[in-house]
Amino acid sequence: MKNILKISIAIFSLGVLMTSCSNKREPNYRYMPDMYEAVPYETYAEVKEFSNGMEAQSTPVGTIARGKMPYEYPNTEAGYQLAKDSLKNPLQHTPENLAKGKKYFDIYCAICHGKKGDGQGKLVKREKFLGVPNYKDREITEGSIYHVIVYGRIAMGSYASQLDEKQRWQVVQYVQKLKNDLK
């Protein structure tokens, strides 16, 4: 009986000793301590891990980023003329592509170019931008429209980050429809 009492006291003491050393607010074991104490980096700051700037996050030379297609025409007047003369729309002219082109045109382009492509969008009517061309008066082709969407031209900025390649070509189809409707 004395042995059972001694063993019980020893187990109880050991249990008290084990629980008294723990902190319930913090886990006892950390399997991945670097996940608990992350190294903070200041946005756009230079850090020794990226000694060559943010080059670690860009695609290597000679490769193409996933989901991107290379656009080989330069952002120059010669590149614009080359695209205007030689670039053709790879998408079929379907009602679905035209409907999607209209949707994207209404979101990104109509604010300046107008719903009809007449250069009378809301911003033009409010005189925020002046001189937005009417599609009827312009000599535009599939290639020139696409090139302007990618790089922008004169006062218009690039929409390459808002529209992917397929969406740009859908907008091109819709702009050509608007141009034909204005004739």
N, C-alpha and C. Protein backbone atom coordinates (compact mmCIF):
# COMPACT_ATOMS: atom_id res chain seq x y z
N MET A 1 0.81 -1.18 0.00
CA MET A 1 0.00 0.00 0.00
C MET A 1 0.86 1.25 0.00
N LYS A 2 2.00 1.14 0.77
CA LYS A 2 2.89 2.29 0.82
C LYS A 2 3.51 2.54 -0.56
N ASN A 3 3.78 1.47 -1.28
CA ASN A 3 4.38 1.64 -2.61
C ASN A 3 3.40 2.31 -3.58
N ILE A 4 2.16 1.97 -3.52
CA ILE A 4 1.15 2.57 -4.40
C ILE A 4 1.01 4.05 -4.07
N LEU A 5 1.04 4.38 -2.78
CA LEU A 5 0.96 5.78 -2.37
C LEU A 5 2.19 6.56 -2.86
N LYS A 6 3.37 5.97 -2.74
CA LYS A 6 4.61 6.62 -3.20
C LYS A 6 4.58 6.81 -4.73
N ILE A 7 4.12 5.82 -5.45
CA ILE A 7 4.07 5.90 -6.92
C ILE A 7 3.04 6.96 -7.33
N SER A 8 1.91 7.02 -6.64
CA SER A 8 0.88 8.01 -6.96
C SER A 8 1.40 9.42 -6.71
N ILE A 9 2.09 9.62 -5.60
CA ILE A 9 2.66 10.94 -5.30
C ILE A 9 3.71 11.31 -6.35
N ALA A 10 4.52 10.37 -6.77
CA ALA A 10 5.56 10.63 -7.77
C ALA A 10 4.93 11.00 -9.12
N ILE A 11 3.89 10.28 -9.54
CA ILE A 11 3.23 10.57 -10.81
C ILE A 11 2.55 11.94 -10.74
N PHE A 12 1.88 12.22 -9.60
CA PHE A 12 1.22 13.50 -9.43
C PHE A 12 2.24 14.65 -9.47
N SER A 13 3.37 14.48 -8.77
CA SER A 13 4.42 15.50 -8.76
C SER A 13 5.00 15.71 -10.16
N LEU A 14 5.20 14.64 -10.87
CA LEU A 14 5.73 14.72 -12.23
C LEU A 14 4.73 15.46 -13.14
N GLY A 15 3.46 15.18 -13.00
CA GLY A 15 2.43 15.85 -13.78
C GLY A 15 2.37 17.34 -13.49
N VAL A 16 2.45 17.71 -12.19
CA VAL A 16 2.46 19.12 -11.80
C VAL A 16 3.69 19.80 -12.36
N LEU A 17 4.82 19.15 -12.28
CA LEU A 17 6.08 19.71 -12.79
C LEU A 17 5.99 19.93 -14.32
N MET A 18 5.42 19.00 -15.05
CA MET A 18 5.33 19.09 -16.51
C MET A 18 4.38 20.22 -16.93
N THR A 19 3.25 20.34 -16.24
CA THR A 19 2.29 21.36 -16.64
C THR A 19 2.67 22.75 -16.17
N SER A 20 3.45 22.84 -15.11
CA SER A 20 3.84 24.15 -14.61
C SER A 20 4.87 24.82 -15.51
N CYS A 21 5.55 24.07 -16.34
CA CYS A 21 6.58 24.63 -17.23
C CYS A 21 6.02 25.11 -18.56
N SER A 22 4.76 24.84 -18.83
CA SER A 22 4.22 25.23 -20.13
C SER A 22 3.50 26.57 -20.04
N ASN A 23 3.44 27.25 -21.18
CA ASN A 23 2.73 28.52 -21.29
C ASN A 23 1.59 28.30 -22.25
N LYS A 24 0.36 28.43 -21.77
CA LYS A 24 -0.81 28.12 -22.60
C LYS A 24 -1.03 29.15 -23.71
N ARG A 25 -0.41 30.32 -23.60
CA ARG A 25 -0.57 31.34 -24.63
C ARG A 25 0.34 31.10 -25.84
N GLU A 26 1.29 30.23 -25.68
CA GLU A 26 2.27 30.00 -26.74
C GLU A 26 2.49 28.51 -26.92
N PRO A 27 2.57 28.02 -28.15
CA PRO A 27 2.79 26.58 -28.32
C PRO A 27 4.16 26.17 -27.81
N ASN A 28 4.24 24.94 -27.32
CA ASN A 28 5.50 24.46 -26.75
C ASN A 28 6.53 24.12 -27.81
N TYR A 29 6.08 23.53 -28.89
CA TYR A 29 7.01 23.10 -29.92
C TYR A 29 6.75 23.88 -31.20
N ARG A 30 7.78 24.30 -31.86
CA ARG A 30 7.67 24.99 -33.14
C ARG A 30 8.40 24.14 -34.18
N TYR A 31 7.61 23.59 -35.07
CA TYR A 31 8.20 22.72 -36.07
C TYR A 31 8.86 23.51 -37.19
N MET A 32 8.33 24.66 -37.49
CA MET A 32 8.89 25.52 -38.53
C MET A 32 8.99 26.93 -37.97
N PRO A 33 10.03 27.24 -37.24
CA PRO A 33 10.10 28.54 -36.59
C PRO A 33 10.12 29.72 -37.57
N ASP A 34 10.62 29.51 -38.77
CA ASP A 34 10.64 30.62 -39.73
C ASP A 34 9.23 31.01 -40.16
N MET A 35 8.25 30.14 -39.96
CA MET A 35 6.87 30.50 -40.26
C MET A 35 6.28 31.39 -39.17
N TYR A 36 6.82 31.30 -37.97
CA TYR A 36 6.34 32.12 -36.85
C TYR A 36 6.98 33.50 -36.85
N GLU A 37 8.24 33.56 -37.19
CA GLU A 37 8.97 34.83 -37.19
C GLU A 37 9.42 35.15 -38.59
N ALA A 38 8.51 35.69 -39.39
CA ALA A 38 8.83 36.02 -40.77
C ALA A 38 9.75 37.23 -40.83
N VAL A 39 10.60 37.25 -41.83
CA VAL A 39 11.50 38.37 -42.03
C VAL A 39 10.74 39.45 -42.80
N PRO A 40 10.55 40.61 -42.21
CA PRO A 40 9.80 41.65 -42.93
C PRO A 40 10.69 42.36 -43.95
N TYR A 41 10.13 42.60 -45.12
CA TYR A 41 10.83 43.36 -46.16
C TYR A 41 10.02 44.61 -46.45
N GLU A 42 10.70 45.70 -46.61
CA GLU A 42 10.05 46.95 -46.98
C GLU A 42 9.76 46.90 -48.48
N THR A 43 8.58 47.31 -48.88
CA THR A 43 8.19 47.28 -50.28
C THR A 43 9.16 48.11 -51.12
N TYR A 44 9.63 47.54 -52.21
CA TYR A 44 10.54 48.16 -53.16
C TYR A 44 11.91 48.52 -52.57
N ALA A 45 12.21 48.05 -51.37
CA ALA A 45 13.52 48.33 -50.79
C ALA A 45 14.54 47.34 -51.34
N GLU A 46 15.79 47.75 -51.36
CA GLU A 46 16.84 46.85 -51.80
C GLU A 46 17.26 45.98 -50.62
N VAL A 47 17.30 44.69 -50.85
CA VAL A 47 17.70 43.75 -49.81
C VAL A 47 18.79 42.86 -50.37
N LYS A 48 19.61 42.33 -49.47
CA LYS A 48 20.77 41.56 -49.92
C LYS A 48 20.37 40.28 -50.65
N GLU A 49 19.19 39.72 -50.34
CA GLU A 49 18.76 38.50 -51.01
C GLU A 49 18.49 38.73 -52.49
N PHE A 50 18.06 39.95 -52.85
CA PHE A 50 17.84 40.31 -54.23
C PHE A 50 18.86 41.39 -54.61
N SER A 51 20.11 41.00 -54.64
CA SER A 51 21.17 41.98 -54.88
C SER A 51 21.08 42.61 -56.26
N ASN A 52 20.45 41.94 -57.22
CA ASN A 52 20.31 42.49 -58.56
C ASN A 52 18.93 43.09 -58.76
N GLY A 53 18.37 43.68 -57.74
CA GLY A 53 17.04 44.31 -57.84
C GLY A 53 15.95 43.26 -57.77
N MET A 54 14.87 43.51 -58.46
CA MET A 54 13.74 42.58 -58.45
C MET A 54 13.84 41.59 -59.61
N GLU A 55 15.04 41.39 -60.10
CA GLU A 55 15.24 40.51 -61.23
C GLU A 55 14.85 39.07 -60.91
N ALA A 56 14.85 38.72 -59.63
CA ALA A 56 14.48 37.37 -59.24
C ALA A 56 13.02 37.09 -59.56
N GLN A 57 12.22 38.11 -59.70
CA GLN A 57 10.81 37.92 -59.97
C GLN A 57 10.45 38.06 -61.43
N SER A 58 11.38 38.41 -62.27
CA SER A 58 11.08 38.54 -63.69
C SER A 58 11.44 37.25 -64.41
N THR A 59 10.87 37.09 -65.61
CA THR A 59 11.15 35.87 -66.36
C THR A 59 12.56 35.93 -66.92
N PRO A 60 13.24 34.81 -66.97
CA PRO A 60 14.59 34.78 -67.52
C PRO A 60 14.60 35.16 -69.00
N VAL A 61 15.73 35.67 -69.45
CA VAL A 61 15.88 36.08 -70.84
C VAL A 61 15.69 34.86 -71.75
N GLY A 62 14.93 35.05 -72.82
CA GLY A 62 14.72 33.97 -73.78
C GLY A 62 13.55 33.07 -73.43
N THR A 63 12.82 33.38 -72.37
CA THR A 63 11.66 32.58 -72.01
C THR A 63 10.39 33.43 -72.10
N ILE A 64 9.27 32.77 -72.06
CA ILE A 64 7.98 33.45 -72.12
C ILE A 64 7.23 33.12 -70.84
N ALA A 65 6.70 34.15 -70.19
CA ALA A 65 5.95 33.94 -68.96
C ALA A 65 4.70 33.11 -69.25
N ARG A 66 4.30 32.30 -68.28
CA ARG A 66 3.14 31.45 -68.45
C ARG A 66 1.90 32.30 -68.74
N GLY A 67 1.13 31.88 -69.75
CA GLY A 67 -0.08 32.60 -70.10
C GLY A 67 0.14 33.83 -70.97
N LYS A 68 1.37 34.10 -71.36
CA LYS A 68 1.67 35.29 -72.17
C LYS A 68 2.13 34.85 -73.56
N MET A 69 1.83 35.68 -74.53
CA MET A 69 2.32 35.46 -75.88
C MET A 69 3.20 36.65 -76.24
N PRO A 70 4.33 36.39 -76.87
CA PRO A 70 5.20 37.52 -77.22
C PRO A 70 4.56 38.39 -78.30
N TYR A 71 4.75 39.68 -78.17
CA TYR A 71 4.29 40.64 -79.17
C TYR A 71 5.55 41.25 -79.75
N GLU A 72 5.84 40.92 -80.97
CA GLU A 72 7.15 41.21 -81.55
C GLU A 72 7.27 42.56 -82.24
N TYR A 73 6.23 43.35 -82.21
CA TYR A 73 6.29 44.65 -82.87
C TYR A 73 6.73 45.69 -81.85
N PRO A 74 7.76 46.47 -82.17
CA PRO A 74 8.26 47.45 -81.20
C PRO A 74 7.32 48.64 -81.03
N ASN A 75 7.48 49.34 -79.93
CA ASN A 75 6.67 50.51 -79.63
C ASN A 75 7.28 51.74 -80.29
N THR A 76 7.29 51.73 -81.60
CA THR A 76 7.82 52.84 -82.39
C THR A 76 6.85 53.12 -83.52
N GLU A 77 7.09 54.21 -84.24
CA GLU A 77 6.24 54.52 -85.39
C GLU A 77 6.39 53.46 -86.47
N ALA A 78 7.62 52.95 -86.64
CA ALA A 78 7.85 51.88 -87.63
C ALA A 78 7.12 50.61 -87.20
N GLY A 79 7.13 50.31 -85.90
CA GLY A 79 6.42 49.14 -85.39
C GLY A 79 4.92 49.27 -85.58
N TYR A 80 4.41 50.49 -85.39
CA TYR A 80 2.98 50.75 -85.61
C TYR A 80 2.62 50.51 -87.08
N GLN A 81 3.43 51.05 -88.00
CA GLN A 81 3.16 50.87 -89.43
C GLN A 81 3.25 49.41 -89.84
N LEU A 82 4.24 48.71 -89.29
CA LEU A 82 4.40 47.28 -89.62
C LEU A 82 3.19 46.50 -89.12
N ALA A 83 2.74 46.76 -87.89
CA ALA A 83 1.55 46.09 -87.36
C ALA A 83 0.32 46.44 -88.18
N LYS A 84 0.20 47.69 -88.56
CA LYS A 84 -0.95 48.16 -89.35
C LYS A 84 -1.01 47.43 -90.70
N ASP A 85 0.13 47.21 -91.30
CA ASP A 85 0.18 46.60 -92.63
C ASP A 85 0.12 45.07 -92.61
N SER A 86 0.64 44.44 -91.54
CA SER A 86 0.80 42.98 -91.62
C SER A 86 0.07 42.17 -90.56
N LEU A 87 -0.31 42.73 -89.46
CA LEU A 87 -0.90 41.96 -88.36
C LEU A 87 -2.37 41.68 -88.65
N LYS A 88 -2.77 40.41 -88.53
CA LYS A 88 -4.15 40.00 -88.80
C LYS A 88 -4.73 39.32 -87.57
N ASN A 89 -6.04 39.43 -87.42
CA ASN A 89 -6.75 38.86 -86.29
C ASN A 89 -6.81 37.33 -86.43
N PRO A 90 -6.30 36.58 -85.44
CA PRO A 90 -6.34 35.13 -85.53
C PRO A 90 -7.69 34.52 -85.12
N LEU A 91 -8.57 35.30 -84.51
CA LEU A 91 -9.86 34.79 -84.06
C LEU A 91 -10.87 34.78 -85.21
N GLN A 92 -11.76 33.79 -85.17
CA GLN A 92 -12.84 33.75 -86.15
C GLN A 92 -13.86 34.82 -85.80
N HIS A 93 -14.50 35.35 -86.80
CA HIS A 93 -15.56 36.34 -86.59
C HIS A 93 -16.83 35.57 -86.23
N THR A 94 -17.13 35.53 -84.94
CA THR A 94 -18.32 34.84 -84.45
C THR A 94 -19.15 35.81 -83.62
N PRO A 95 -20.44 35.54 -83.50
CA PRO A 95 -21.28 36.39 -82.64
C PRO A 95 -20.79 36.41 -81.18
N GLU A 96 -20.26 35.29 -80.72
CA GLU A 96 -19.75 35.22 -79.34
C GLU A 96 -18.54 36.15 -79.16
N ASN A 97 -17.59 36.11 -80.09
CA ASN A 97 -16.42 36.99 -80.01
C ASN A 97 -16.83 38.45 -80.12
N LEU A 98 -17.79 38.73 -80.97
CA LEU A 98 -18.27 40.10 -81.13
C LEU A 98 -18.96 40.60 -79.85
N ALA A 99 -19.75 39.73 -79.22
CA ALA A 99 -20.44 40.10 -77.98
C ALA A 99 -19.43 40.37 -76.85
N LYS A 100 -18.42 39.53 -76.78
CA LYS A 100 -17.39 39.74 -75.74
C LYS A 100 -16.58 41.00 -76.05
N GLY A 101 -16.30 41.23 -77.33
CA GLY A 101 -15.59 42.45 -77.72
C GLY A 101 -16.39 43.69 -77.34
N LYS A 102 -17.70 43.64 -77.54
CA LYS A 102 -18.57 44.76 -77.14
C LYS A 102 -18.51 44.96 -75.63
N LYS A 103 -18.54 43.87 -74.90
CA LYS A 103 -18.49 43.96 -73.43
C LYS A 103 -17.21 44.66 -72.98
N TYR A 104 -16.07 44.23 -73.52
CA TYR A 104 -14.79 44.83 -73.12
C TYR A 104 -14.67 46.27 -73.62
N PHE A 105 -15.19 46.53 -74.82
CA PHE A 105 -15.18 47.90 -75.36
C PHE A 105 -15.98 48.83 -74.45
N ASP A 106 -17.15 48.37 -74.03
CA ASP A 106 -17.99 49.19 -73.15
C ASP A 106 -17.30 49.46 -71.81
N ILE A 107 -16.53 48.51 -71.33
CA ILE A 107 -15.84 48.69 -70.04
C ILE A 107 -14.65 49.64 -70.18
N TYR A 108 -13.80 49.40 -71.17
CA TYR A 108 -12.52 50.11 -71.24
C TYR A 108 -12.47 51.26 -72.24
N CYS A 109 -13.23 51.20 -73.31
CA CYS A 109 -13.03 52.14 -74.41
C CYS A 109 -14.12 53.19 -74.56
N ALA A 110 -15.36 52.80 -74.28
CA ALA A 110 -16.51 53.68 -74.56
C ALA A 110 -16.47 54.96 -73.75
N ILE A 111 -15.81 54.97 -72.63
CA ILE A 111 -15.76 56.17 -71.80
C ILE A 111 -15.13 57.34 -72.57
N CYS A 112 -14.21 57.05 -73.47
CA CYS A 112 -13.60 58.10 -74.30
C CYS A 112 -14.12 58.05 -75.74
N HIS A 113 -14.14 56.85 -76.33
CA HIS A 113 -14.47 56.72 -77.75
C HIS A 113 -15.97 56.74 -78.02
N GLY A 114 -16.80 56.63 -77.00
CA GLY A 114 -18.25 56.62 -77.19
C GLY A 114 -18.74 55.23 -77.51
N LYS A 115 -20.00 54.97 -77.19
CA LYS A 115 -20.59 53.64 -77.43
C LYS A 115 -20.66 53.30 -78.91
N LYS A 116 -20.70 54.31 -79.77
CA LYS A 116 -20.79 54.09 -81.21
C LYS A 116 -19.45 54.20 -81.91
N GLY A 117 -18.39 54.55 -81.18
CA GLY A 117 -17.08 54.75 -81.80
C GLY A 117 -16.97 56.09 -82.48
N ASP A 118 -17.83 57.02 -82.10
CA ASP A 118 -17.86 58.34 -82.74
C ASP A 118 -16.98 59.37 -82.04
N GLY A 119 -16.23 58.95 -81.03
CA GLY A 119 -15.35 59.87 -80.32
C GLY A 119 -16.08 60.78 -79.36
N GLN A 120 -17.29 60.42 -78.98
CA GLN A 120 -18.11 61.26 -78.10
C GLN A 120 -18.47 60.52 -76.81
N GLY A 121 -17.46 60.02 -76.12
CA GLY A 121 -17.68 59.35 -74.85
C GLY A 121 -17.95 60.36 -73.74
N LYS A 122 -18.25 59.85 -72.55
CA LYS A 122 -18.58 60.73 -71.43
C LYS A 122 -17.45 61.70 -71.09
N LEU A 123 -16.23 61.22 -71.12
CA LEU A 123 -15.11 62.10 -70.78
C LEU A 123 -14.91 63.19 -71.82
N VAL A 124 -15.19 62.90 -73.07
CA VAL A 124 -15.09 63.90 -74.13
C VAL A 124 -16.20 64.94 -73.96
N LYS A 125 -17.40 64.47 -73.66
CA LYS A 125 -18.52 65.39 -73.48
C LYS A 125 -18.30 66.30 -72.27
N ARG A 126 -17.62 65.79 -71.26
CA ARG A 126 -17.32 66.61 -70.08
C ARG A 126 -16.04 67.42 -70.26
N GLU A 127 -15.45 67.34 -71.45
CA GLU A 127 -14.23 68.06 -71.83
C GLU A 127 -13.02 67.71 -70.96
N LYS A 128 -12.96 66.45 -70.52
CA LYS A 128 -11.78 65.96 -69.80
C LYS A 128 -10.67 65.60 -70.79
N PHE A 129 -11.08 65.04 -71.94
CA PHE A 129 -10.16 64.74 -73.02
C PHE A 129 -10.76 65.32 -74.29
N LEU A 130 -9.93 65.90 -75.11
CA LEU A 130 -10.39 66.45 -76.38
C LEU A 130 -9.62 65.79 -77.51
N GLY A 131 -10.21 65.74 -78.67
CA GLY A 131 -9.53 65.21 -79.84
C GLY A 131 -9.55 63.70 -79.94
N VAL A 132 -10.49 63.03 -79.28
CA VAL A 132 -10.60 61.57 -79.42
C VAL A 132 -11.18 61.31 -80.81
N PRO A 133 -10.49 60.48 -81.60
CA PRO A 133 -10.91 60.34 -83.00
C PRO A 133 -12.20 59.53 -83.17
N ASN A 134 -12.90 59.87 -84.23
CA ASN A 134 -14.06 59.13 -84.68
C ASN A 134 -13.52 58.00 -85.55
N TYR A 135 -13.97 56.78 -85.35
CA TYR A 135 -13.44 55.66 -86.13
C TYR A 135 -13.71 55.82 -87.62
N LYS A 136 -14.78 56.52 -87.98
CA LYS A 136 -15.13 56.72 -89.38
C LYS A 136 -14.03 57.51 -90.11
N ASP A 137 -13.40 58.44 -89.40
CA ASP A 137 -12.42 59.33 -90.01
C ASP A 137 -11.00 58.75 -90.02
N ARG A 138 -10.80 57.60 -89.45
CA ARG A 138 -9.46 57.04 -89.30
C ARG A 138 -9.23 55.88 -90.25
N GLU A 139 -8.00 55.79 -90.73
CA GLU A 139 -7.60 54.62 -91.51
C GLU A 139 -6.98 53.64 -90.55
N ILE A 140 -7.82 52.76 -90.03
CA ILE A 140 -7.35 51.77 -89.05
C ILE A 140 -7.54 50.37 -89.60
N THR A 141 -6.65 49.49 -89.19
CA THR A 141 -6.72 48.08 -89.57
C THR A 141 -6.72 47.25 -88.29
N GLU A 142 -6.89 45.94 -88.47
CA GLU A 142 -6.83 45.05 -87.30
C GLU A 142 -5.52 45.22 -86.55
N GLY A 143 -4.44 45.27 -87.31
CA GLY A 143 -3.11 45.38 -86.70
C GLY A 143 -2.90 46.69 -85.97
N SER A 144 -3.38 47.79 -86.55
CA SER A 144 -3.17 49.08 -85.90
C SER A 144 -3.99 49.19 -84.62
N ILE A 145 -5.20 48.66 -84.62
CA ILE A 145 -6.03 48.69 -83.42
C ILE A 145 -5.37 47.87 -82.32
N TYR A 146 -4.92 46.67 -82.67
CA TYR A 146 -4.27 45.80 -81.69
C TYR A 146 -3.02 46.46 -81.12
N HIS A 147 -2.22 47.05 -82.00
CA HIS A 147 -0.98 47.71 -81.58
C HIS A 147 -1.27 48.85 -80.60
N VAL A 148 -2.30 49.63 -80.87
CA VAL A 148 -2.65 50.74 -79.99
C VAL A 148 -3.17 50.22 -78.65
N ILE A 149 -3.90 49.12 -78.65
CA ILE A 149 -4.35 48.54 -77.37
C ILE A 149 -3.14 48.09 -76.55
N VAL A 150 -2.15 47.49 -77.20
CA VAL A 150 -0.97 46.99 -76.48
C VAL A 150 -0.11 48.13 -75.95
N TYR A 151 0.22 49.11 -76.78
CA TYR A 151 1.16 50.15 -76.38
C TYR A 151 0.52 51.51 -76.07
N GLY A 152 -0.66 51.75 -76.57
CA GLY A 152 -1.23 53.09 -76.46
C GLY A 152 -0.69 53.95 -77.59
N ARG A 153 -1.28 55.12 -77.74
CA ARG A 153 -0.83 56.02 -78.81
C ARG A 153 -1.29 57.44 -78.47
N ILE A 154 -0.41 58.38 -78.66
CA ILE A 154 -0.64 59.80 -78.39
C ILE A 154 -1.13 59.95 -76.95
N ALA A 155 -2.38 60.32 -76.71
CA ALA A 155 -2.87 60.53 -75.33
C ALA A 155 -3.45 59.26 -74.72
N MET A 156 -3.66 58.23 -75.52
CA MET A 156 -4.24 56.99 -75.01
C MET A 156 -3.14 56.11 -74.43
N GLY A 157 -3.40 55.58 -73.25
CA GLY A 157 -2.44 54.69 -72.61
C GLY A 157 -2.63 53.24 -73.05
N SER A 158 -1.74 52.40 -72.60
CA SER A 158 -1.80 50.98 -72.92
C SER A 158 -2.88 50.29 -72.10
N TYR A 159 -3.53 49.32 -72.71
CA TYR A 159 -4.51 48.49 -72.02
C TYR A 159 -4.05 47.03 -71.99
N ALA A 160 -2.75 46.81 -72.19
CA ALA A 160 -2.22 45.45 -72.21
C ALA A 160 -2.36 44.75 -70.86
N SER A 161 -2.33 45.51 -69.78
CA SER A 161 -2.45 44.87 -68.46
C SER A 161 -3.91 44.57 -68.11
N GLN A 162 -4.86 45.23 -68.76
CA GLN A 162 -6.27 44.98 -68.46
C GLN A 162 -6.87 43.90 -69.35
N LEU A 163 -6.38 43.77 -70.56
CA LEU A 163 -6.94 42.82 -71.52
C LEU A 163 -5.89 41.81 -71.94
N ASP A 164 -6.23 40.53 -71.89
CA ASP A 164 -5.28 39.54 -72.39
C ASP A 164 -5.37 39.49 -73.92
N GLU A 165 -4.56 38.63 -74.53
CA GLU A 165 -4.46 38.62 -75.99
C GLU A 165 -5.80 38.35 -76.67
N LYS A 166 -6.52 37.35 -76.21
CA LYS A 166 -7.80 37.01 -76.83
C LYS A 166 -8.80 38.16 -76.67
N GLN A 167 -8.84 38.76 -75.52
CA GLN A 167 -9.77 39.87 -75.28
C GLN A 167 -9.45 41.07 -76.18
N ARG A 168 -8.15 41.32 -76.39
CA ARG A 168 -7.76 42.42 -77.29
C ARG A 168 -8.28 42.18 -78.70
N TRP A 169 -8.14 40.93 -79.18
CA TRP A 169 -8.60 40.62 -80.53
C TRP A 169 -10.12 40.71 -80.62
N GLN A 170 -10.81 40.37 -79.54
CA GLN A 170 -12.27 40.52 -79.54
C GLN A 170 -12.66 42.00 -79.62
N VAL A 171 -11.93 42.85 -78.91
CA VAL A 171 -12.18 44.29 -78.99
C VAL A 171 -11.89 44.78 -80.41
N VAL A 172 -10.84 44.27 -81.03
CA VAL A 172 -10.51 44.65 -82.42
C VAL A 172 -11.68 44.34 -83.34
N GLN A 173 -12.27 43.15 -83.19
CA GLN A 173 -13.43 42.79 -84.02
C GLN A 173 -14.58 43.76 -83.82
N TYR A 174 -14.82 44.13 -82.57
CA TYR A 174 -15.93 45.03 -82.29
C TYR A 174 -15.66 46.44 -82.82
N VAL A 175 -14.43 46.91 -82.70
CA VAL A 175 -14.08 48.24 -83.22
C VAL A 175 -14.27 48.27 -84.73
N GLN A 176 -13.89 47.21 -85.40
CA GLN A 176 -14.08 47.16 -86.86
C GLN A 176 -15.57 47.17 -87.22
N LYS A 177 -16.39 46.49 -86.43
CA LYS A 177 -17.83 46.54 -86.65
C LYS A 177 -18.35 47.96 -86.48
N LEU A 178 -17.89 48.66 -85.43
CA LEU A 178 -18.32 50.04 -85.22
C LEU A 178 -17.89 50.93 -86.39
N LYS A 179 -16.68 50.73 -86.87
CA LYS A 179 -16.18 51.52 -88.00
C LYS A 179 -17.06 51.30 -89.23
N ASN A 180 -17.43 50.06 -89.48
CA ASN A 180 -18.29 49.75 -90.64
C ASN A 180 -19.69 50.32 -90.44
N ASP A 181 -20.19 50.33 -89.21
CA ASP A 181 -21.52 50.89 -88.93
C ASP A 181 -21.56 52.40 -89.12
N LEU A 182 -20.44 53.07 -88.94
CA LEU A 182 -20.39 54.54 -89.06
C LEU A 182 -20.32 55.00 -90.52
N LYS A 183 -20.00 54.11 -91.43
CA LYS A 183 -19.86 54.51 -92.85
C LYS A 183 -21.17 54.93 -93.44
